[in-house]
Protein backbone atom coordinates (compact mmCIF):
# COMPACT_ATOMS: atom_id res chain seq x y z
CA ARG A 1 0.60 -16.95 9.55
CA LEU A 2 0.75 -18.49 6.12
CA MET A 3 4.53 -19.02 6.37
CA ASP A 4 3.88 -21.27 9.56
CA THR A 5 1.34 -23.24 7.50
CA PHE A 6 3.90 -23.93 4.75
CA LYS A 7 6.54 -24.87 7.17
CA GLU A 8 4.17 -27.43 8.81
CA VAL A 9 3.29 -28.84 5.35
CA MET A 10 7.15 -29.07 4.71
CA ARG A 11 7.59 -30.80 8.07
CA VAL A 12 5.06 -33.59 7.34
CA LEU A 13 6.08 -34.25 3.65
CA LYS A 14 8.40 -37.00 2.92
CA PRO A 15 11.70 -36.05 1.52
CA GLY A 16 11.13 -35.41 -2.16
CA GLY A 17 7.39 -35.07 -1.61
CA HIS A 18 5.40 -32.53 -3.55
CA PHE A 19 3.19 -29.71 -2.14
CA TYR A 20 0.37 -28.46 -4.50
CA HIS A 21 -1.45 -25.17 -4.03
CA ASN A 22 -4.49 -23.95 -5.98
CA ASP A 23 -6.32 -20.81 -4.75
CA MET A 24 -7.48 -17.36 -5.59
CA LEU A 25 -4.70 -14.80 -5.39
CA ARG A 26 -4.31 -11.06 -5.62
CA PRO A 27 -3.46 -10.06 -9.20
CA HIS A 28 -0.10 -8.46 -9.73
CA SER A 29 -1.47 -5.79 -12.16
CA LYS A 30 -3.13 -2.88 -10.48
CA VAL A 31 -5.57 -2.58 -13.39
CA VAL A 32 -6.65 -6.24 -13.19
CA THR A 33 -6.84 -5.88 -9.44
CA ALA A 34 -9.19 -2.86 -9.69
CA LEU A 35 -11.37 -4.61 -12.20
CA TYR A 36 -11.39 -7.89 -10.27
CA PHE A 37 -12.46 -6.32 -6.97
CA THR A 38 -15.11 -4.07 -8.66
CA TYR A 39 -16.55 -7.19 -10.27
CA LEU A 40 -16.55 -9.08 -6.99
CA ARG A 41 -18.22 -6.32 -5.15
CA MET A 42 -20.87 -6.03 -7.74
CA CYS A 43 -21.49 -9.79 -8.01
CA LEU A 44 -21.65 -10.23 -4.26
CA ALA A 45 -23.94 -7.23 -3.94
CA THR A 46 -26.29 -8.46 -6.61
CA THR A 47 -26.35 -12.00 -4.97
CA ALA A 48 -27.00 -10.49 -1.50
CA TRP A 49 -29.90 -8.40 -3.04
CA ILE A 50 -31.38 -11.49 -4.95
CA PHE A 51 -31.21 -13.73 -1.73
CA ARG A 52 -32.23 -10.74 0.58
CA SER A 53 -29.10 -11.45 2.73
CA ASN A 54 -29.21 -10.58 6.41
CA GLN A 55 -26.63 -8.38 8.19
CA ALA A 56 -24.49 -11.43 9.05
CA ALA A 57 -24.19 -12.49 5.48
CA LEU A 58 -23.46 -8.95 4.38
CA LYS A 59 -20.47 -8.91 6.96
CA CYS A 60 -19.21 -12.23 5.43
CA LYS A 61 -19.39 -10.61 2.00
CA LYS A 62 -17.26 -7.70 3.19
CA TYR A 63 -14.85 -9.94 4.96
CA PHE A 64 -14.45 -12.13 1.80
CA VAL A 65 -13.37 -9.08 -0.38
CA GLU A 66 -11.13 -7.76 2.31
CA ALA A 67 -9.37 -11.06 2.80
CA LEU A 68 -8.76 -11.38 -0.92
CA GLU A 69 -7.18 -7.83 -0.90
CA LEU A 70 -4.61 -9.26 1.64
CA PHE A 71 -3.84 -12.35 -0.40
CA TYR A 72 -0.37 -12.90 -2.06
CA THR A 73 0.34 -12.49 -5.69
CA ALA A 74 1.64 -15.59 -7.49
CA ASP A 75 5.22 -14.24 -7.38
CA GLU A 76 4.88 -13.38 -3.61
CA LEU A 77 3.64 -16.89 -2.87
CA THR A 78 6.62 -18.29 -4.84
CA ASP A 79 9.02 -16.19 -2.90
CA LEU A 80 7.43 -17.29 0.40
CA LEU A 81 7.73 -20.99 -0.59
CA THR A 82 11.42 -20.41 -1.47
CA GLU A 83 12.00 -18.81 1.89
CA VAL A 84 10.50 -21.72 3.71
CA GLY A 85 12.84 -24.03 1.84
CA TYR A 86 10.92 -25.70 -0.95
CA GLU A 87 12.68 -26.26 -4.20
CA ASP A 88 11.68 -26.91 -7.89
CA ILE A 89 8.83 -24.49 -7.49
CA ALA A 90 6.54 -24.07 -10.50
CA GLN A 91 3.68 -21.54 -10.79
CA GLN A 92 1.06 -20.78 -13.21
CA SER A 93 -1.47 -17.99 -13.09
CA ARG A 94 -4.79 -17.72 -14.84
CA MET A 95 -7.21 -15.00 -15.57
CA GLY A 96 -4.69 -12.12 -15.08
CA GLY A 97 -3.38 -13.60 -11.85
CA MET A 98 -6.70 -14.11 -10.12
CA PHE A 99 -5.98 -17.75 -9.75
CA GLY A 100 -2.72 -19.30 -9.00
CA PHE A 101 -1.36 -22.89 -9.18
CA HIS A 102 1.93 -23.75 -7.35
CA LYS A 103 3.86 -26.96 -7.20
CA ALA A 104 6.83 -27.18 -4.80
CA LYS A 105 9.10 -30.09 -3.72
CA LYS A 106 10.58 -30.79 -0.21
CA PRO A 107 14.36 -31.23 -0.63
CA GLU A 108 15.55 -34.93 -0.61
């Protein structure tokens, strides 16, 4: 679970230490999400066709898209960090929420 990961990061940080997170996220907007996943599926299908991907690679492509659909939105990730106990949480989203940047601090 992701919460367990963030708890472990909190445990090993020095008091007052910062945690930085930069990752692909699930956009908050349903319209952006639909466009994003349509784009990803098309790009991955085209890449798979160009490189004549085998069945194992095609399963990885499917897993990648399905995993992204389960990711948090930037706001959900901020809520999770708050629940774990981080403070002074700052977040930024780019490209309609497809990418997120978080900075959080372990309490002193």
